[in-house]
C-alpha atoms as a PDB file:
ATOM      1  CA  MET A   1     -25.549  13.434  40.254  1.00  0.00           C
ATOM      2  CA  LEU A   2     -26.055  13.602  36.589  1.00  0.00           C
ATOM      3  CA  ASN A   3     -27.408  16.589  35.029  1.00  0.00           C
ATOM      4  CA  CYS A   4     -29.482  16.580  31.494  1.00  0.00           C
ATOM      5  CA  TYR A   5     -26.024  17.749  29.549  1.00  0.00           C
ATOM      6  CA  ASP A   6     -24.225  14.956  31.158  1.00  0.00           C
ATOM      7  CA  ILE A   7     -27.048  12.258  30.139  1.00  0.00           C
ATOM      8  CA  LEU A   8     -27.085  13.821  26.596  1.00  0.00           C
ATOM      9  CA  PHE A   9     -23.022  13.742  26.274  1.00  0.00           C
ATOM     10  CA  PHE A  10     -23.007   9.884  27.321  1.00  0.00           C
ATOM     11  CA  THR A  11     -25.960   9.227  25.303  1.00  0.00           C
ATOM     12  CA  ILE A  12     -24.023  10.882  22.136  1.00  0.00           C
ATOM     13  CA  ILE A  13     -21.061   8.898  23.180  1.00  0.00           C
ATOM     14  CA  ILE A  14     -22.827   5.680  23.132  1.00  0.00           C
ATOM     15  CA  TYR A  15     -24.554   6.184  19.945  1.00  0.00           C
ATOM     16  CA  THR A  16     -21.231   7.188  18.234  1.00  0.00           C
ATOM     17  CA  LEU A  17     -19.342   4.070  19.680  1.00  0.00           C
ATOM     18  CA  SER A  18     -22.082   1.761  18.694  1.00  0.00           C
ATOM     19  CA  VAL A  19     -22.346   3.182  15.081  1.00  0.00           C
ATOM     20  CA  VAL A  20     -18.570   3.069  14.509  1.00  0.00           C
ATOM     21  CA  GLY A  21     -18.551  -0.221  16.055  1.00  0.00           C
ATOM     22  CA  TRP A  22     -20.929  -1.703  13.923  1.00  0.00           C
ATOM     23  CA  LYS A  23     -19.137  -0.229  10.775  1.00  0.00           C
ATOM     24  CA  LEU A  24     -15.814  -1.846  11.801  1.00  0.00           C
ATOM     25  CA  ILE A  25     -17.813  -5.359  12.479  1.00  0.00           C
ATOM     26  CA  THR A  26     -19.516  -5.179   9.071  1.00  0.00           C
ATOM     27  CA  ALA A  27     -16.586  -3.716   7.088  1.00  0.00           C
ATOM     28  CA  LYS A  28     -15.234  -6.068   4.443  1.00  0.00           C
ATOM     29  CA  LYS A  29     -11.661  -6.652   4.915  1.00  0.00           C
ATOM     30  CA  ALA A  30      -9.476  -5.687   2.114  1.00  0.00           C
ATOM     31  CA  GLU A  31      -7.723  -8.468   0.257  1.00  0.00           C
ATOM     32  CA  PRO A  32      -4.106  -8.535   1.003  1.00  0.00           C
ATOM     33  CA  PRO A  33      -1.965  -7.383  -2.034  1.00  0.00           C
ATOM     34  CA  GLN A  34      -1.038 -10.123  -4.417  1.00  0.00           C
ATOM     35  CA  ARG A  35       2.460  -9.751  -4.152  1.00  0.00           C
ATOM     36  CA  PHE A  36       3.463 -13.437  -3.967  1.00  0.00           C
ATOM     37  CA  GLU A  37       1.471 -13.757  -7.576  1.00  0.00           C
ATOM     38  CA  LEU A  38       3.624 -11.082  -9.206  1.00  0.00           C
ATOM     39  CA  VAL A  39       6.673 -12.828  -8.232  1.00  0.00           C
ATOM     40  CA  LYS A  40       5.393 -16.106  -9.829  1.00  0.00           C
ATOM     41  CA  THR A  41       4.218 -14.373 -13.050  1.00  0.00           C
ATOM     42  CA  ASN A  42       7.581 -12.431 -13.306  1.00  0.00           C
ATOM     43  CA  PRO A  43      10.349 -14.339 -11.521  1.00  0.00           C
ATOM     44  CA  ARG A  44      13.311 -12.637 -10.351  1.00  0.00           C
ATOM     45  CA  SER A  45      16.595 -12.543 -12.325  1.00  0.00           C
ATOM     46  CA  SER A  46      19.406 -14.788 -10.928  1.00  0.00           C
ATOM     47  CA  LYS A  47      21.652 -11.480 -10.914  1.00  0.00           C
ATOM     48  CA  TRP A  48      19.138  -9.751  -8.695  1.00  0.00           C
ATOM     49  CA  LYS A  49      20.628 -10.722  -5.576  1.00  0.00           C
ATOM     50  CA  ALA A  50      24.100  -9.361  -6.401  1.00  0.00           C
ATOM     51  CA  VAL A  51      22.806  -6.107  -7.929  1.00  0.00           C
ATOM     52  CA  ARG A  52      20.845  -5.460  -4.869  1.00  0.00           C
ATOM     53  CA  ASN A  53      23.782  -6.142  -2.584  1.00  0.00           C
ATOM     54  CA  ASN A  54      25.788  -4.191  -4.684  1.00  0.00           C
ATOM     55  CA  PHE A  55      23.695  -1.304  -4.772  1.00  0.00           C
ATOM     56  CA  ILE A  56      23.306  -1.243  -0.664  1.00  0.00           C
ATOM     57  CA  LYS A  57      27.373  -1.325  -0.557  1.00  0.00           C
ATOM     58  CA  THR A  58      27.325   2.002  -2.731  1.00  0.00           C
ATOM     59  CA  HIS A  59      24.246   2.883  -1.293  1.00  0.00           C
ATOM     60  CA  GLY A  60      24.182   2.342   2.402  1.00  0.00           C
ATOM     61  CA  TRP A  61      21.776   5.067   3.660  1.00  0.00           C
ATOM     62  CA  CYS A  62      18.086   5.679   3.196  1.00  0.00           C
ATOM     63  CA  ALA A  63      17.798   8.281   0.366  1.00  0.00           C
ATOM     64  CA  VAL A  64      15.078  10.212   2.316  1.00  0.00           C
ATOM     65  CA  CYS A  65      15.688  10.087   5.916  1.00  0.00           C
ATOM     66  CA  GLY A  66      19.759   9.048   6.049  1.00  0.00           C
ATOM     67  CA  LYS A  67      19.336   6.055   8.117  1.00  0.00           C
ATOM     68  CA  THR A  68      21.546   3.038   8.034  1.00  0.00           C
ATOM     69  CA  GLU A  69      19.243   0.334   9.264  1.00  0.00           C
ATOM     70  CA  ASN A  70      16.773  -1.920   8.077  1.00  0.00           C
ATOM     71  CA  LEU A  71      17.649  -1.072   4.306  1.00  0.00           C
ATOM     72  CA  VAL A  72      15.691  -2.235   1.094  1.00  0.00           C
ATOM     73  CA  VAL A  73      16.287  -1.564  -2.581  1.00  0.00           C
ATOM     74  CA  HIS A  74      13.316  -0.101  -4.007  1.00  0.00           C
ATOM     75  CA  HIS A  75      12.171  -0.324  -7.717  1.00  0.00           C
ATOM     76  CA  LYS A  76      11.104   3.294  -8.514  1.00  0.00           C
ATOM     77  CA  GLU A  77       9.121   1.788 -11.260  1.00  0.00           C
ATOM     78  CA  PRO A  78       7.791  -1.561 -10.346  1.00  0.00           C
ATOM     79  CA  PHE A  79       9.398  -4.775 -11.213  1.00  0.00           C
ATOM     80  CA  HIS A  80       6.131  -6.403 -11.955  1.00  0.00           C
ATOM     81  CA  LEU A  81       4.868  -3.732 -14.261  1.00  0.00           C
ATOM     82  CA  PHE A  82       8.595  -3.130 -15.817  1.00  0.00           C
ATOM     83  CA  PRO A  83      10.448  -6.464 -15.456  1.00  0.00           C
ATOM     84  CA  GLU A  84      13.050  -5.083 -18.038  1.00  0.00           C
ATOM     85  CA  LYS A  85      13.995  -2.377 -15.524  1.00  0.00           C
ATOM     86  CA  GLU A  86      14.709  -5.210 -12.677  1.00  0.00           C
ATOM     87  CA  LEU A  87      18.408  -4.726 -12.943  1.00  0.00           C
ATOM     88  CA  ASP A  88      18.996  -1.185 -13.905  1.00  0.00           C
ATOM     89  CA  PRO A  89      20.533   1.011 -11.227  1.00  0.00           C
ATOM     90  CA  THR A  90      19.018   3.999 -12.403  1.00  0.00           C
ATOM     91  CA  ASN A  91      15.604   2.496 -11.552  1.00  0.00           C
ATOM     92  CA  LEU A  92      16.733   1.686  -7.893  1.00  0.00           C
ATOM     93  CA  VAL A  93      16.813   3.539  -4.619  1.00  0.00           C
ATOM     94  CA  THR A  94      17.606   2.587  -1.110  1.00  0.00           C
ATOM     95  CA  LEU A  95      14.794   3.132   1.461  1.00  0.00           C
ATOM     96  CA  CYS A  96      14.498   2.339   4.991  1.00  0.00           C
ATOM     97  CA  GLU A  97      12.005   0.309   6.933  1.00  0.00           C
ATOM     98  CA  ASN A  98      12.294   1.673  10.116  1.00  0.00           C
ATOM     99  CA  ASP A  99       9.501   1.744  13.017  1.00  0.00           C
ATOM    100  CA  ILE A 100       8.993   5.435  13.222  1.00  0.00           C
ATOM    101  CA  LEU A 101       9.328   6.782   9.629  1.00  0.00           C
ATOM    102  CA  ASN A 102       9.216   3.771   7.217  1.00  0.00           C
ATOM    103  CA  CYS A 103      10.240   5.614   4.040  1.00  0.00           C
ATOM    104  CA  HIS A 104       9.733   2.320   1.855  1.00  0.00           C
ATOM    105  CA  TYR A 105       5.983   2.417   3.042  1.00  0.00           C
ATOM    106  CA  VAL A 106       5.254   5.984   3.074  1.00  0.00           C
ATOM    107  CA  ILE A 107       7.510   7.512   0.062  1.00  0.00           C
ATOM    108  CA  GLY A 108       7.918   4.330  -1.920  1.00  0.00           C
ATOM    109  CA  HIS A 109       4.268   3.161  -1.764  1.00  0.00           C
ATOM    110  CA  LEU A 110       2.228   5.870  -0.831  1.00  0.00           C
ATOM    111  CA  MET A 111       1.044   4.212   2.340  1.00  0.00           C
ATOM    112  CA  GLU A 112      -0.444   1.315   0.326  1.00  0.00           C
ATOM    113  CA  TRP A 113       1.796  -1.765  -0.470  1.00  0.00           C
ATOM    114  CA  THR A 114      -0.360  -1.992  -3.892  1.00  0.00           C
ATOM    115  CA  ARG A 115       0.655   1.566  -5.221  1.00  0.00           C
ATOM    116  CA  TYR A 116       3.883   2.844  -6.345  1.00  0.00           C
ATOM    117  CA  ASN A 117       4.980   6.656  -6.663  1.00  0.00           C
ATOM    118  CA  PRO A 118       5.795   7.781  -9.864  1.00  0.00           C
ATOM    119  CA  ASP A 119       7.172  11.102  -8.366  1.00  0.00           C
ATOM    120  CA  ILE A 120       9.499   9.257  -6.135  1.00  0.00           C
ATOM    121  CA  ASP A 121      12.609  11.185  -7.073  1.00  0.00           C
ATOM    122  CA  GLU A 122      11.005  14.622  -6.707  1.00  0.00           C
ATOM    123  CA  ASP A 123       9.430  13.334  -3.128  1.00  0.00           C
ATOM    124  CA  ILE A 124      12.842  12.345  -1.989  1.00  0.00           C
ATOM    125  CA  ARG A 125      14.167  15.657  -2.973  1.00  0.00           C
ATOM    126  CA  ILE A 126      11.444  17.483  -1.049  1.00  0.00           C
ATOM    127  CA  TRP A 127      11.569  15.041   2.083  1.00  0.00           C
ATOM    128  CA  LYS A 128      15.399  15.238   2.037  1.00  0.00           C
ATOM    129  CA  ASN A 129      15.272  18.852   2.231  1.00  0.00           C
ATOM    130  CA  LYS A 130      12.619  18.939   4.785  1.00  0.00           C
ATOM    131  CA  LEU A 131      14.609  16.797   7.160  1.00  0.00           C
ATOM    132  CA  ASN A 132      17.888  18.631   6.329  1.00  0.00           C
ATOM    133  CA  ARG A 133      19.582  15.602   5.016  1.00  0.00           C
END
């Protein structure tokens, strides 16, 4: 048999779920980042593939966690904002895109693909020390 506290508890739960559910249903979806348009306005250099492949050969591990799988070469200062730094090796860092810790997304883009991390070198140093790598 339900007492008054059980009824109150279920009433609060149902109300909360209905409010949260309504917010989820009526929430406007965020527009996906316009990454492909940026590539069209600033086409990649024909040398990019070779630079990327050579960088991964010499830096074949994630700069944050040390993993060697699912690596990408990340521009510290984004290519679409600083096209002159596209091939500059001092503007590149190897990051991983693993399931558990996606360093490219978390450290490189601060958990939002449309952002970049101006303090990426410092953050890499901090997290590398925290992970004892």
